[in-house]
Amino acid sequence: MNLILTVLVLLAPVGLIYGWVCYFTPIPTEPTGWRSRATLLSLTLVSLAGLLWLFTMINPPDANWATGAGVGHQLAWVYARARFGLAGLLLAFLISLFGRPRLILPITVACVGAGVFWIVSTMP
C-alpha cells in the first residue's frame, strides 16, 4: 500500500505538467468547448492547491515547540488550510472527469497524488 501511495505522490507533478503541456498543445481534431473549459478549471484548481500547500508550509504562525506555547494554534491553522486545499483537489478531481478525455487520467492522478501528499506532509 505504501508503494502505491509513493508512486501516486511521485506521479502527481508528472501528471500536472503533462496536463498543462497537452492543454496548450493545439489538436486540430479536438474542438474547443465546455470540455476544454472543464480541463482548464481542474488544472487551475490543482495548481492552486499546490501553491496553497507551499504557502502553508512556508508561512505558518509562530509556535514554541519546546514549551508548547502556540502549537495548538499552529496546528489548527495548518489543518484549516489543508482542509481547504483537499476540498479544492476533490472539486478538481470531479471536474476533471468531465474534461478532455485524454487528460482525465493525468489530472486525476495529479489530484490524488497531491491529496495524499497534503495529508502525509501535514500530519502532526
PDB file of N, CA and C in Angstrom:
ATOM      1  N   MET A   1       0.822  -1.192   0.000  1.00  0.00           N
ATOM      2  CA  MET A   1       0.000   0.000   0.000  1.00  0.00           C
ATOM      3  C   MET A   1       0.868   1.258   0.000  1.00  0.00           C
ATOM      4  N   ASN A   2       1.957   1.227   0.799  1.00  0.00           N
ATOM      5  CA  ASN A   2       2.852   2.387   0.838  1.00  0.00           C
ATOM      6  C   ASN A   2       3.506   2.631  -0.511  1.00  0.00           C
ATOM      7  N   LEU A   3       3.809   1.564  -1.226  1.00  0.00           N
ATOM      8  CA  LEU A   3       4.428   1.710  -2.540  1.00  0.00           C
ATOM      9  C   LEU A   3       3.470   2.387  -3.515  1.00  0.00           C
ATOM     10  N   ILE A   4       2.209   2.022  -3.467  1.00  0.00           N
ATOM     11  CA  ILE A   4       1.212   2.631  -4.358  1.00  0.00           C
ATOM     12  C   ILE A   4       1.065   4.112  -4.051  1.00  0.00           C
ATOM     13  N   LEU A   5       1.008   4.466  -2.769  1.00  0.00           N
ATOM     14  CA  LEU A   5       0.886   5.869  -2.394  1.00  0.00           C
ATOM     15  C   LEU A   5       2.128   6.659  -2.789  1.00  0.00           C
ATOM     16  N   THR A   6       3.297   6.056  -2.634  1.00  0.00           N
ATOM     17  CA  THR A   6       4.529   6.726  -3.032  1.00  0.00           C
ATOM     18  C   THR A   6       4.559   6.966  -4.530  1.00  0.00           C
ATOM     19  N   VAL A   7       4.140   5.981  -5.308  1.00  0.00           N
ATOM     20  CA  VAL A   7       4.106   6.142  -6.762  1.00  0.00           C
ATOM     21  C   VAL A   7       3.113   7.232  -7.156  1.00  0.00           C
ATOM     22  N   LEU A   8       1.954   7.277  -6.492  1.00  0.00           N
ATOM     23  CA  LEU A   8       0.970   8.333  -6.784  1.00  0.00           C
ATOM     24  C   LEU A   8       1.525   9.716  -6.472  1.00  0.00           C
ATOM     25  N   VAL A   9       2.216   9.852  -5.357  1.00  0.00           N
ATOM     26  CA  VAL A   9       2.790  11.142  -4.993  1.00  0.00           C
ATOM     27  C   VAL A   9       3.868  11.547  -5.990  1.00  0.00           C
ATOM     28  N   LEU A  10       4.678  10.603  -6.429  1.00  0.00           N
ATOM     29  CA  LEU A  10       5.736  10.917  -7.393  1.00  0.00           C
ATOM     30  C   LEU A  10       5.192  11.200  -8.790  1.00  0.00           C
ATOM     31  N   LEU A  11       4.067  10.590  -9.144  1.00  0.00           N
ATOM     32  CA  LEU A  11       3.480  10.825 -10.465  1.00  0.00           C
ATOM     33  C   LEU A  11       2.611  12.083 -10.518  1.00  0.00           C
ATOM     34  N   ALA A  12       2.272  12.645  -9.372  1.00  0.00           N
ATOM     35  CA  ALA A  12       1.403  13.829  -9.350  1.00  0.00           C
ATOM     36  C   ALA A  12       1.991  15.007 -10.124  1.00  0.00           C
ATOM     37  N   PRO A  13       3.258  15.395  -9.910  1.00  0.00           N
ATOM     38  CA  PRO A  13       3.781  16.508 -10.704  1.00  0.00           C
ATOM     39  C   PRO A  13       3.899  16.171 -12.185  1.00  0.00           C
ATOM     40  N   VAL A  14       4.187  14.918 -12.481  1.00  0.00           N
ATOM     41  CA  VAL A  14       4.281  14.498 -13.886  1.00  0.00           C
ATOM     42  C   VAL A  14       2.922  14.640 -14.571  1.00  0.00           C
ATOM     43  N   GLY A  15       1.862  14.193 -13.893  1.00  0.00           N
ATOM     44  CA  GLY A  15       0.522  14.320 -14.459  1.00  0.00           C
ATOM     45  C   GLY A  15       0.099  15.761 -14.613  1.00  0.00           C
ATOM     46  N   LEU A  16       0.468  16.608 -13.654  1.00  0.00           N
ATOM     47  CA  LEU A  16       0.111  18.018 -13.734  1.00  0.00           C
ATOM     48  C   LEU A  16       0.845  18.713 -14.879  1.00  0.00           C
ATOM     49  N   ILE A  17       2.128  18.472 -14.996  1.00  0.00           N
ATOM     50  CA  ILE A  17       2.903  19.074 -16.087  1.00  0.00           C
ATOM     51  C   ILE A  17       2.420  18.555 -17.430  1.00  0.00           C
ATOM     52  N   TYR A  18       2.166  17.257 -17.527  1.00  0.00           N
ATOM     53  CA  TYR A  18       1.642  16.679 -18.768  1.00  0.00           C
ATOM     54  C   TYR A  18       0.294  17.307 -19.125  1.00  0.00           C
ATOM     55  N   GLY A  19      -0.547  17.513 -18.127  1.00  0.00           N
ATOM     56  CA  GLY A  19      -1.850  18.123 -18.373  1.00  0.00           C
ATOM     57  C   GLY A  19      -1.732  19.532 -18.907  1.00  0.00           C
ATOM     58  N   TRP A  20      -0.861  20.339 -18.304  1.00  0.00           N
ATOM     59  CA  TRP A  20      -0.686  21.709 -18.789  1.00  0.00           C
ATOM     60  C   TRP A  20      -0.094  21.733 -20.193  1.00  0.00           C
ATOM     61  N   VAL A  21       0.904  20.886 -20.450  1.00  0.00           N
ATOM     62  CA  VAL A  21       1.521  20.862 -21.778  1.00  0.00           C
ATOM     63  C   VAL A  21       0.511  20.423 -22.832  1.00  0.00           C
ATOM     64  N   CYS A  22      -0.240  19.375 -22.554  1.00  0.00           N
ATOM     65  CA  CYS A  22      -1.229  18.898 -23.522  1.00  0.00           C
ATOM     66  C   CYS A  22      -2.386  19.877 -23.681  1.00  0.00           C
ATOM     67  N   TYR A  23      -2.712  20.613 -22.630  1.00  0.00           N
ATOM     68  CA  TYR A  23      -3.797  21.580 -22.744  1.00  0.00           C
ATOM     69  C   TYR A  23      -3.421  22.698 -23.708  1.00  0.00           C
ATOM     70  N   PHE A  24      -2.176  23.142 -23.653  1.00  0.00           N
ATOM     71  CA  PHE A  24      -1.752  24.238 -24.522  1.00  0.00           C
ATOM     72  C   PHE A  24      -1.222  23.772 -25.870  1.00  0.00           C
ATOM     73  N   THR A  25      -1.147  22.469 -26.110  1.00  0.00           N
ATOM     74  CA  THR A  25      -0.770  21.947 -27.417  1.00  0.00           C
ATOM     75  C   THR A  25      -2.033  21.834 -28.262  1.00  0.00           C
ATOM     76  N   PRO A  26      -2.117  22.589 -29.354  1.00  0.00           N
ATOM     77  CA  PRO A  26      -3.356  22.545 -30.148  1.00  0.00           C
ATOM     78  C   PRO A  26      -3.509  21.217 -30.894  1.00  0.00           C
ATOM     79  N   ILE A  27      -4.731  20.706 -30.857  1.00  0.00           N
ATOM     80  CA  ILE A  27      -5.068  19.480 -31.583  1.00  0.00           C
ATOM     81  C   ILE A  27      -6.142  19.862 -32.600  1.00  0.00           C
ATOM     82  N   PRO A  28      -5.858  19.703 -33.878  1.00  0.00           N
ATOM     83  CA  PRO A  28      -6.823  20.166 -34.886  1.00  0.00           C
ATOM     84  C   PRO A  28      -8.148  19.410 -34.872  1.00  0.00           C
ATOM     85  N   THR A  29      -8.152  18.165 -34.435  1.00  0.00           N
ATOM     86  CA  THR A  29      -9.393  17.389 -34.486  1.00  0.00           C
ATOM     87  C   THR A  29     -10.250  17.568 -33.235  1.00  0.00           C
ATOM     88  N   GLU A  30      -9.705  18.209 -32.208  1.00  0.00           N
ATOM     89  CA  GLU A  30     -10.439  18.349 -30.955  1.00  0.00           C
ATOM     90  C   GLU A  30     -11.039  19.755 -30.862  1.00  0.00           C
ATOM     91  N   PRO A  31     -12.361  19.848 -30.890  1.00  0.00           N
ATOM     92  CA  PRO A  31     -12.974  21.175 -30.829  1.00  0.00           C
ATOM     93  C   PRO A  31     -12.886  21.772 -29.420  1.00  0.00           C
ATOM     94  N   THR A  32     -12.817  23.095 -29.373  1.00  0.00           N
ATOM     95  CA  THR A  32     -12.842  23.751 -28.071  1.00  0.00           C
ATOM     96  C   THR A  32     -14.296  23.890 -27.633  1.00  0.00           C
ATOM     97  N   GLY A  33     -14.512  23.833 -26.375  1.00  0.00           N
ATOM     98  CA  GLY A  33     -15.873  23.916 -25.855  1.00  0.00           C
ATOM     99  C   GLY A  33     -15.869  23.737 -24.359  1.00  0.00           C
ATOM    100  N   TRP A  34     -16.958  23.200 -23.857  1.00  0.00           N
ATOM    101  CA  TRP A  34     -17.104  23.058 -22.414  1.00  0.00           C
ATOM    102  C   TRP A  34     -16.107  22.075 -21.825  1.00  0.00           C
ATOM    103  N   ARG A  35     -15.699  21.052 -22.597  1.00  0.00           N
ATOM    104  CA  ARG A  35     -14.697  20.103 -22.089  1.00  0.00           C
ATOM    105  C   ARG A  35     -13.345  20.782 -21.879  1.00  0.00           C
ATOM    106  N   SER A  36     -13.017  21.668 -22.788  1.00  0.00           N
ATOM    107  CA  SER A  36     -11.758  22.398 -22.666  1.00  0.00           C
ATOM    108  C   SER A  36     -11.783  23.324 -21.450  1.00  0.00           C
ATOM    109  N   ARG A  37     -12.904  23.971 -21.209  1.00  0.00           N
ATOM    110  CA  ARG A  37     -13.025  24.843 -20.037  1.00  0.00           C
ATOM    111  C   ARG A  37     -12.997  24.036 -18.740  1.00  0.00           C
ATOM    112  N   ALA A  38     -13.594  22.861 -18.738  1.00  0.00           N
ATOM    113  CA  ALA A  38     -13.556  21.999 -17.545  1.00  0.00           C
ATOM    114  C   ALA A  38     -12.125  21.546 -17.261  1.00  0.00           C
ATOM    115  N   THR A  39     -11.384  21.230 -18.303  1.00  0.00           N
ATOM    116  CA  THR A  39      -9.992  20.823 -18.133  1.00  0.00           C
ATOM    117  C   THR A  39      -9.163  21.976 -17.585  1.00  0.00           C
ATOM    118  N   LEU A  40      -9.365  23.174 -18.132  1.00  0.00           N
ATOM    119  CA  LEU A  40      -8.629  24.334 -17.645  1.00  0.00           C
ATOM    120  C   LEU A  40      -8.949  24.613 -16.183  1.00  0.00           C
ATOM    121  N   LEU A  41     -10.214  24.520 -15.809  1.00  0.00           N
ATOM    122  CA  LEU A  41     -10.605  24.759 -14.429  1.00  0.00           C
ATOM    123  C   LEU A  41      -9.989  23.728 -13.483  1.00  0.00           C
ATOM    124  N   SER A  42      -9.995  22.467 -13.867  1.00  0.00           N
ATOM    125  CA  SER A  42      -9.422  21.433 -12.995  1.00  0.00           C
ATOM    126  C   SER A  42      -7.906  21.581 -12.886  1.00  0.00           C
ATOM    127  N   LEU A  43      -7.227  21.907 -13.984  1.00  0.00           N
ATOM    128  CA  LEU A  43      -5.781  22.129 -13.915  1.00  0.00           C
ATOM    129  C   LEU A  43      -5.447  23.330 -13.035  1.00  0.00           C
ATOM    130  N   THR A  44      -6.254  24.365 -13.137  1.00  0.00           N
ATOM    131  CA  THR A  44      -6.037  25.552 -12.315  1.00  0.00           C
ATOM    132  C   THR A  44      -6.240  25.238 -10.837  1.00  0.00           C
ATOM    133  N   LEU A  45      -7.276  24.473 -10.515  1.00  0.00           N
ATOM    134  CA  LEU A  45      -7.529  24.125  -9.114  1.00  0.00           C
ATOM    135  C   LEU A  45      -6.407  23.278  -8.520  1.00  0.00           C
ATOM    136  N   VAL A  46      -5.888  22.337  -9.293  1.00  0.00           N
ATOM    137  CA  VAL A  46      -4.780  21.506  -8.795  1.00  0.00           C
ATOM    138  C   VAL A  46      -3.542  22.373  -8.577  1.00  0.00           C
ATOM    139  N   SER A  47      -3.280  23.275  -9.500  1.00  0.00           N
ATOM    140  CA  SER A  47      -2.118  24.157  -9.358  1.00  0.00           C
ATOM    141  C   SER A  47      -2.270  25.092  -8.158  1.00  0.00           C
ATOM    142  N   LEU A  48      -3.465  25.623  -7.962  1.00  0.00           N
ATOM    143  CA  LEU A  48      -3.699  26.495  -6.810  1.00  0.00           C
ATOM    144  C   LEU A  48      -3.576  25.733  -5.493  1.00  0.00           C
ATOM    145  N   ALA A  49      -3.985  24.474  -5.480  1.00  0.00           N
ATOM    146  CA  ALA A  49      -3.825  23.659  -4.273  1.00  0.00           C
ATOM    147  C   ALA A  49      -2.345  23.450  -3.970  1.00  0.00           C
ATOM    148  N   GLY A  50      -1.542  23.264  -4.993  1.00  0.00           N
ATOM    149  CA  GLY A  50      -0.095  23.141  -4.783  1.00  0.00           C
ATOM    150  C   GLY A  50       0.514  24.424  -4.249  1.00  0.00           C
ATOM    151  N   LEU A  51       0.073  25.566  -4.767  1.00  0.00           N
ATOM    152  CA  LEU A  51       0.564  26.848  -4.259  1.00  0.00           C
ATOM    153  C   LEU A  51       0.095  27.096  -2.824  1.00  0.00           C
ATOM    154  N   LEU A  52      -1.123  26.672  -2.505  1.00  0.00           N
ATOM    155  CA  LEU A  52      -1.619  26.814  -1.137  1.00  0.00           C
ATOM    156  C   LEU A  52      -0.796  25.956  -0.185  1.00  0.00           C
ATOM    157  N   TRP A  53      -0.415  24.755  -0.609  1.00  0.00           N
ATOM    158  CA  TRP A  53       0.437  23.913   0.237  1.00  0.00           C
ATOM    159  C   TRP A  53       1.769  24.614   0.490  1.00  0.00           C
ATOM    160  N   LEU A  54       2.346  25.175  -0.561  1.00  0.00           N
ATOM    161  CA  LEU A  54       3.624  25.872  -0.419  1.00  0.00           C
ATOM    162  C   LEU A  54       3.488  27.050   0.548  1.00  0.00           C
ATOM    163  N   PHE A  55       2.442  27.849   0.417  1.00  0.00           N
ATOM    164  CA  PHE A  55       2.195  28.964   1.327  1.00  0.00           C
ATOM    165  C   PHE A  55       2.001  28.469   2.754  1.00  0.00           C
ATOM    166  N   THR A  56       1.286  27.379   2.917  1.00  0.00           N
ATOM    167  CA  THR A  56       1.020  26.842   4.253  1.00  0.00           C
ATOM    168  C   THR A  56       2.308  26.380   4.927  1.00  0.00           C
ATOM    169  N   MET A  57       3.193  25.768   4.184  1.00  0.00           N
ATOM    170  CA  MET A  57       4.424  25.260   4.773  1.00  0.00           C
ATOM    171  C   MET A  57       5.461  26.363   5.016  1.00  0.00           C
ATOM    172  N   ILE A  58       5.455  27.404   4.188  1.00  0.00           N
ATOM    173  CA  ILE A  58       6.443  28.470   4.329  1.00  0.00           C
ATOM    174  C   ILE A  58       6.041  29.478   5.400  1.00  0.00           C
ATOM    175  N   ASN A  59       4.745  29.737   5.540  1.00  0.00           N
ATOM    176  CA  ASN A  59       4.279  30.853   6.355  1.00  0.00           C
ATOM    177  C   ASN A  59       3.340  30.442   7.502  1.00  0.00           C
ATOM    178  N   PRO A  60       3.706  29.467   8.330  1.00  0.00           N
ATOM    179  CA  PRO A  60       2.819  29.144   9.466  1.00  0.00           C
ATOM    180  C   PRO A  60       3.015  30.159  10.591  1.00  0.00           C
ATOM    181  N   PRO A  61       2.043  30.273  11.483  1.00  0.00           N
ATOM    182  CA  PRO A  61       2.239  31.165  12.631  1.00  0.00           C
ATOM    183  C   PRO A  61       3.312  30.600  13.557  1.00  0.00           C
ATOM    184  N   ASP A  62       3.886  31.479  14.347  1.00  0.00           N
ATOM    185  CA  ASP A  62       4.965  31.062  15.247  1.00  0.00           C
ATOM    186  C   ASP A  62       4.436  30.174  16.375  1.00  0.00           C
ATOM    187  N   ALA A  63       5.241  29.203  16.728  1.00  0.00           N
ATOM    188  CA  ALA A  63       4.933  28.326  17.856  1.00  0.00           C
ATOM    189  C   ALA A  63       6.244  27.909  18.501  1.00  0.00           C
ATOM    190  N   ASN A  64       6.233  27.797  19.802  1.00  0.00           N
ATOM    191  CA  ASN A  64       7.399  27.359  20.539  1.00  0.00           C
ATOM    192  C   ASN A  64       7.202  25.884  20.881  1.00  0.00           C
ATOM    193  N   TRP A  65       7.896  25.022  20.160  1.00  0.00           N
ATOM    194  CA  TRP A  65       7.711  23.589  20.357  1.00  0.00           C
ATOM    195  C   TRP A  65       8.344  23.103  21.656  1.00  0.00           C
ATOM    196  N   ALA A  66       9.236  23.878  22.222  1.00  0.00           N
ATOM    197  CA  ALA A  66       9.857  23.464  23.485  1.00  0.00           C
ATOM    198  C   ALA A  66       8.888  23.627  24.649  1.00  0.00           C
ATOM    199  N   THR A  67       8.148  24.732  24.673  1.00  0.00           N
ATOM    200  CA  THR A  67       7.210  24.969  25.767  1.00  0.00           C
ATOM    201  C   THR A  67       5.784  24.602  25.398  1.00  0.00           C
ATOM    202  N   GLY A  68       5.496  24.478  24.117  1.00  0.00           N
ATOM    203  CA  GLY A  68       4.144  24.141  23.673  1.00  0.00           C
ATOM    204  C   GLY A  68       3.256  25.354  23.474  1.00  0.00           C
ATOM    205  N   ALA A  69       3.805  26.561  23.657  1.00  0.00           N
ATOM    206  CA  ALA A  69       3.009  27.787  23.512  1.00  0.00           C
ATOM    207  C   ALA A  69       2.720  28.049  22.042  1.00  0.00           C
ATOM    208  N   GLY A  70       1.451  28.074  21.678  1.00  0.00           N
ATOM    209  CA  GLY A  70       1.051  28.385  20.316  1.00  0.00           C
ATOM    210  C   GLY A  70       1.041  27.200  19.376  1.00  0.00           C
ATOM    211  N   VAL A  71       1.398  26.034  19.846  1.00  0.00           N
ATOM    212  CA  VAL A  71       1.452  24.855  18.986  1.00  0.00           C
ATOM    213  C   VAL A  71       0.055  24.461  18.525  1.00  0.00           C
ATOM    214  N   GLY A  72      -0.914  24.526  19.419  1.00  0.00           N
ATOM    215  CA  GLY A  72      -2.291  24.195  19.037  1.00  0.00           C
ATOM    216  C   GLY A  72      -2.820  25.135  17.982  1.00  0.00           C
ATOM    217  N   HIS A  73      -2.493  26.421  18.120  1.00  0.00           N
ATOM    218  CA  HIS A  73      -2.927  27.400  17.115  1.00  0.00           C
ATOM    219  C   HIS A  73      -2.267  27.114  15.771  1.00  0.00           C
ATOM    220  N   GLN A  74      -0.983  26.767  15.799  1.00  0.00           N
ATOM    221  CA  GLN A  74      -0.280  26.478  14.555  1.00  0.00           C
ATOM    222  C   GLN A  74      -0.872  25.244  13.868  1.00  0.00           C
ATOM    223  N   LEU A  75      -1.153  24.210  14.629  1.00  0.00           N
ATOM    224  CA  LEU A  75      -1.735  23.008  14.045  1.00  0.00           C
ATOM    225  C   LEU A  75      -3.131  23.268  13.495  1.00  0.00           C
ATOM    226  N   ALA A  76      -3.922  24.062  14.212  1.00  0.00           N
ATOM    227  CA  ALA A  76      -5.257  24.406  13.725  1.00  0.00           C
ATOM    228  C   ALA A  76      -5.170  25.227  12.449  1.00  0.00           C
ATOM    229  N   TRP A  77      -4.205  26.130  12.359  1.00  0.00           N
ATOM    230  CA  TRP A  77      -4.004  26.957  11.174  1.00  0.00           C
ATOM    231  C   TRP A  77      -3.645  26.094   9.959  1.00  0.00           C
ATOM    232  N   VAL A  78      -2.715  25.174  10.161  1.00  0.00           N
ATOM    233  CA  VAL A  78      -2.310  24.273   9.074  1.00  0.00           C
ATOM    234  C   VAL A  78      -3.469  23.363   8.687  1.00  0.00           C
ATOM    235  N   TYR A  79      -4.203  22.858   9.668  1.00  0.00           N
ATOM    236  CA  TYR A  79      -5.323  21.970   9.396  1.00  0.00           C
ATOM    237  C   TYR A  79      -6.410  22.669   8.582  1.00  0.00           C
ATOM    238  N   ALA A  80      -6.674  23.934   8.896  1.00  0.00           N
ATOM    239  CA  ALA A  80      -7.707  24.678   8.155  1.00  0.00           C
ATOM    240  C   ALA A  80      -7.316  24.840   6.695  1.00  0.00           C
ATOM    241  N   ARG A  81      -6.063  25.120   6.439  1.00  0.00           N
ATOM    242  CA  ARG A  81      -5.618  25.267   5.054  1.00  0.00           C
ATOM    243  C   ARG A  81      -5.567  23.916   4.340  1.00  0.00           C
ATOM    244  N   ALA A  82      -5.220  22.876   5.063  1.00  0.00           N
ATOM    245  CA  ALA A  82      -5.213  21.541   4.466  1.00  0.00           C
ATOM    246  C   ALA A  82      -6.625  21.125   4.073  1.00  0.00           C
ATOM    247  N   ARG A  83      -7.570  21.445   4.916  1.00  0.00           N
ATOM    248  CA  ARG A  83      -8.965  21.120   4.604  1.00  0.00           C
ATOM    249  C   ARG A  83      -9.437  21.852   3.349  1.00  0.00           C
ATOM    250  N   PHE A  84      -9.076  23.128   3.242  1.00  0.00           N
ATOM    251  CA  PHE A  84      -9.434  23.927   2.077  1.00  0.00           C
ATOM    252  C   PHE A  84      -8.739  23.397   0.816  1.00  0.00           C
ATOM    253  N   GLY A  85      -7.455  23.047   0.947  1.00  0.00           N
ATOM    254  CA  GLY A  85      -6.717  22.506  -0.198  1.00  0.00           C
ATOM    255  C   GLY A  85      -7.262  21.163  -0.658  1.00  0.00           C
ATOM    256  N   LEU A  86      -7.608  20.302   0.283  1.00  0.00           N
ATOM    257  CA  LEU A  86      -8.169  18.998  -0.080  1.00  0.00           C
ATOM    258  C   LEU A  86      -9.547  19.127  -0.712  1.00  0.00           C
ATOM    259  N   ALA A  87     -10.336  20.101  -0.253  1.00  0.00           N
ATOM    260  CA  ALA A  87     -11.640  20.343  -0.886  1.00  0.00           C
ATOM    261  C   ALA A  87     -11.453  20.816  -2.327  1.00  0.00           C
ATOM    262  N   GLY A  88     -10.454  21.660  -2.548  1.00  0.00           N
ATOM    263  CA  GLY A  88     -10.154  22.102  -3.913  1.00  0.00           C
ATOM    264  C   GLY A  88      -9.696  20.956  -4.801  1.00  0.00           C
ATOM    265  N   LEU A  89      -8.901  20.063  -4.236  1.00  0.00           N
ATOM    266  CA  LEU A  89      -8.449  18.902  -5.012  1.00  0.00           C
ATOM    267  C   LEU A  89      -9.605  17.959  -5.336  1.00  0.00           C
ATOM    268  N   LEU A  90     -10.517  17.792  -4.394  1.00  0.00           N
ATOM    269  CA  LEU A  90     -11.690  16.959  -4.660  1.00  0.00           C
ATOM    270  C   LEU A  90     -12.549  17.571  -5.757  1.00  0.00           C
ATOM    271  N   LEU A  91     -12.733  18.874  -5.713  1.00  0.00           N
ATOM    272  CA  LEU A  91     -13.501  19.554  -6.758  1.00  0.00           C
ATOM    273  C   LEU A  91     -12.799  19.431  -8.111  1.00  0.00           C
ATOM    274  N   ALA A  92     -11.477  19.582  -8.122  1.00  0.00           N
ATOM    275  CA  ALA A  92     -10.718  19.432  -9.365  1.00  0.00           C
ATOM    276  C   ALA A  92     -10.839  18.009  -9.907  1.00  0.00           C
ATOM    277  N   PHE A  93     -10.824  17.028  -9.011  1.00  0.00           N
ATOM    278  CA  PHE A  93     -10.976  15.632  -9.418  1.00  0.00           C
ATOM    279  C   PHE A  93     -12.324  15.411 -10.104  1.00  0.00           C
ATOM    280  N   LEU A  94     -13.380  15.929  -9.486  1.00  0.00           N
ATOM    281  CA  LEU A  94     -14.713  15.740 -10.056  1.00  0.00           C
ATOM    282  C   LEU A  94     -14.878  16.479 -11.375  1.00  0.00           C
ATOM    283  N   ILE A  95     -14.352  17.685 -11.474  1.00  0.00           N
ATOM    284  CA  ILE A  95     -14.460  18.453 -12.716  1.00  0.00           C
ATOM    285  C   ILE A  95     -13.636  17.811 -13.822  1.00  0.00           C
ATOM    286  N   SER A  96     -12.489  17.238 -13.471  1.00  0.00           N
ATOM    287  CA  SER A  96     -11.638  16.631 -14.497  1.00  0.00           C
ATOM    288  C   SER A  96     -12.314  15.453 -15.189  1.00  0.00           C
ATOM    289  N   LEU A  97     -13.262  14.818 -14.520  1.00  0.00           N
ATOM    290  CA  LEU A  97     -13.969  13.695 -15.146  1.00  0.00           C
ATOM    291  C   LEU A  97     -14.832  14.142 -16.316  1.00  0.00           C
ATOM    292  N   PHE A  98     -15.115  15.440 -16.392  1.00  0.00           N
ATOM    293  CA  PHE A  98     -15.900  15.980 -17.496  1.00  0.00           C
ATOM    294  C   PHE A  98     -15.035  16.733 -18.499  1.00  0.00           C
ATOM    295  N   GLY A  99     -13.728  16.696 -18.323  1.00  0.00           N
ATOM    296  CA  GLY A  99     -12.813  17.420 -19.197  1.00  0.00           C
ATOM    297  C   GLY A  99     -12.449  16.628 -20.439  1.00  0.00           C
ATOM    298  N   ARG A 100     -11.351  17.042 -21.061  1.00  0.00           N
ATOM    299  CA  ARG A 100     -10.870  16.356 -22.264  1.00  0.00           C
ATOM    300  C   ARG A 100     -10.555  14.900 -21.935  1.00  0.00           C
ATOM    301  N   PRO A 101     -11.007  13.981 -22.777  1.00  0.00           N
ATOM    302  CA  PRO A 101     -10.833  12.556 -22.453  1.00  0.00           C
ATOM    303  C   PRO A 101      -9.388  12.120 -22.263  1.00  0.00           C
ATOM    304  N   ARG A 102      -8.476  12.650 -23.046  1.00  0.00           N
ATOM    305  CA  ARG A 102      -7.096  12.171 -22.914  1.00  0.00           C
ATOM    306  C   ARG A 102      -6.379  12.760 -21.707  1.00  0.00           C
ATOM    307  N   LEU A 103      -6.976  13.760 -21.058  1.00  0.00           N
ATOM    308  CA  LEU A 103      -6.357  14.365 -19.887  1.00  0.00           C
ATOM    309  C   LEU A 103      -7.037  13.980 -18.580  1.00  0.00           C
ATOM    310  N   ILE A 104      -8.035  13.131 -18.653  1.00  0.00           N
ATOM    311  CA  ILE A 104      -8.727  12.724 -17.427  1.00  0.00           C
ATOM    312  C   ILE A 104      -7.777  11.963 -16.498  1.00  0.00           C
ATOM    313  N   LEU A 105      -7.078  10.981 -17.010  1.00  0.00           N
ATOM    314  CA  LEU A 105      -6.188  10.169 -16.174  1.00  0.00           C
ATOM    315  C   LEU A 105      -5.034  10.985 -15.574  1.00  0.00           C
ATOM    316  N   PRO A 106      -4.313  11.796 -16.353  1.00  0.00           N
ATOM    317  CA  PRO A 106      -3.223  12.561 -15.724  1.00  0.00           C
ATOM    318  C   PRO A 106      -3.702  13.541 -14.652  1.00  0.00           C
ATOM    319  N   ILE A 107      -4.850  14.163 -14.876  1.00  0.00           N
ATOM    320  CA  ILE A 107      -5.331  15.135 -13.896  1.00  0.00           C
ATOM    321  C   ILE A 107      -5.831  14.416 -12.639  1.00  0.00           C
ATOM    322  N   THR A 108      -6.489  13.285 -12.803  1.00  0.00           N
ATOM    323  CA  THR A 108      -6.941  12.552 -11.615  1.00  0.00           C
ATOM    324  C   THR A 108      -5.758  12.015 -10.813  1.00  0.00           C
ATOM    325  N   VAL A 109      -4.716  11.567 -11.490  1.00  0.00           N
ATOM    326  CA  VAL A 109      -3.505  11.121 -10.781  1.00  0.00           C
ATOM    327  C   VAL A 109      -2.876  12.304 -10.050  1.00  0.00           C
ATOM    328  N   ALA A 110      -2.848  13.479 -10.682  1.00  0.00           N
ATOM    329  CA  ALA A 110      -2.304  14.667 -10.028  1.00  0.00           C
ATOM    330  C   ALA A 110      -3.133  15.045  -8.802  1.00  0.00           C
ATOM    331  N   CYS A 111      -4.453  14.936  -8.903  1.00  0.00           N
ATOM    332  CA  CYS A 111      -5.324  15.269  -7.770  1.00  0.00           C
ATOM    333  C   CYS A 111      -5.126  14.302  -6.610  1.00  0.00           C
ATOM    334  N   VAL A 112      -5.135  13.022  -6.901  1.00  0.00           N
ATOM    335  CA  VAL A 112      -4.995  12.021  -5.842  1.00  0.00           C
ATOM    336  C   VAL A 112      -3.595  12.079  -5.230  1.00  0.00           C
ATOM    337  N   GLY A 113      -2.572  12.194  -6.062  1.00  0.00           N
ATOM    338  CA  GLY A 113      -1.207  12.286  -5.549  1.00  0.00           C
ATOM    339  C   GLY A 113      -0.979  13.523  -4.708  1.00  0.00           C
ATOM    340  N   ALA A 114      -1.510  14.660  -5.152  1.00  0.00           N
ATOM    341  CA  ALA A 114      -1.375  15.890  -4.370  1.00  0.00           C
ATOM    342  C   ALA A 114      -2.157  15.784  -3.062  1.00  0.00           C
ATOM    343  N   GLY A 115      -3.310  15.143  -3.099  1.00  0.00           N
ATOM    344  CA  GLY A 115      -4.087  14.954  -1.874  1.00  0.00           C
ATOM    345  C   GLY A 115      -3.367  14.080  -0.867  1.00  0.00           C
ATOM    346  N   VAL A 116      -2.779  12.992  -1.333  1.00  0.00           N
ATOM    347  CA  VAL A 116      -2.008  12.114  -0.439  1.00  0.00           C
ATOM    348  C   VAL A 116      -0.819  12.880   0.132  1.00  0.00           C
ATOM    349  N   PHE A 117      -0.166  13.675  -0.708  1.00  0.00           N
ATOM    350  CA  PHE A 117       0.970  14.463  -0.247  1.00  0.00           C
ATOM    351  C   PHE A 117       0.550  15.484   0.805  1.00  0.00           C
ATOM    352  N   TRP A 118      -0.588  16.153   0.586  1.00  0.00           N
ATOM    353  CA  TRP A 118      -1.122  17.106   1.570  1.00  0.00           C
ATOM    354  C   TRP A 118      -1.326  16.410   2.912  1.00  0.00           C
ATOM    355  N   ILE A 119      -1.982  15.261   2.884  1.00  0.00           N
ATOM    356  CA  ILE A 119      -2.309  14.556   4.124  1.00  0.00           C
ATOM    357  C   ILE A 119      -1.049  14.103   4.850  1.00  0.00           C
ATOM    358  N   VAL A 120      -0.132  13.519   4.113  1.00  0.00           N
ATOM    359  CA  VAL A 120       1.080  12.981   4.735  1.00  0.00           C
ATOM    360  C   VAL A 120       1.986  14.097   5.248  1.00  0.00           C
ATOM    361  N   SER A 121       2.077  15.192   4.518  1.00  0.00           N
ATOM    362  CA  SER A 121       3.005  16.241   4.924  1.00  0.00           C
ATOM    363  C   SER A 121       2.467  17.132   6.043  1.00  0.00           C
ATOM    364  N   THR A 122       1.173  17.091   6.309  1.00  0.00           N
ATOM    365  CA  THR A 122       0.611  17.929   7.367  1.00  0.00           C
ATOM    366  C   THR A 122       0.172  17.139   8.592  1.00  0.00           C
ATOM    367  N   MET A 123       0.496  15.859   8.650  1.00  0.00           N
ATOM    368  CA  MET A 123       0.165  15.078   9.835  1.00  0.00           C
ATOM    369  C   MET A 123       1.058  15.517  11.006  1.00  0.00           C
ATOM    370  N   PRO A 124       0.466  15.658  12.183  1.00  0.00           N
ATOM    371  CA  PRO A 124       1.294  16.063  13.343  1.00  0.00           C
ATOM    372  C   PRO A 124       2.180  14.932  13.827  1.00  0.00           C
TER     373      PRO A 124
END
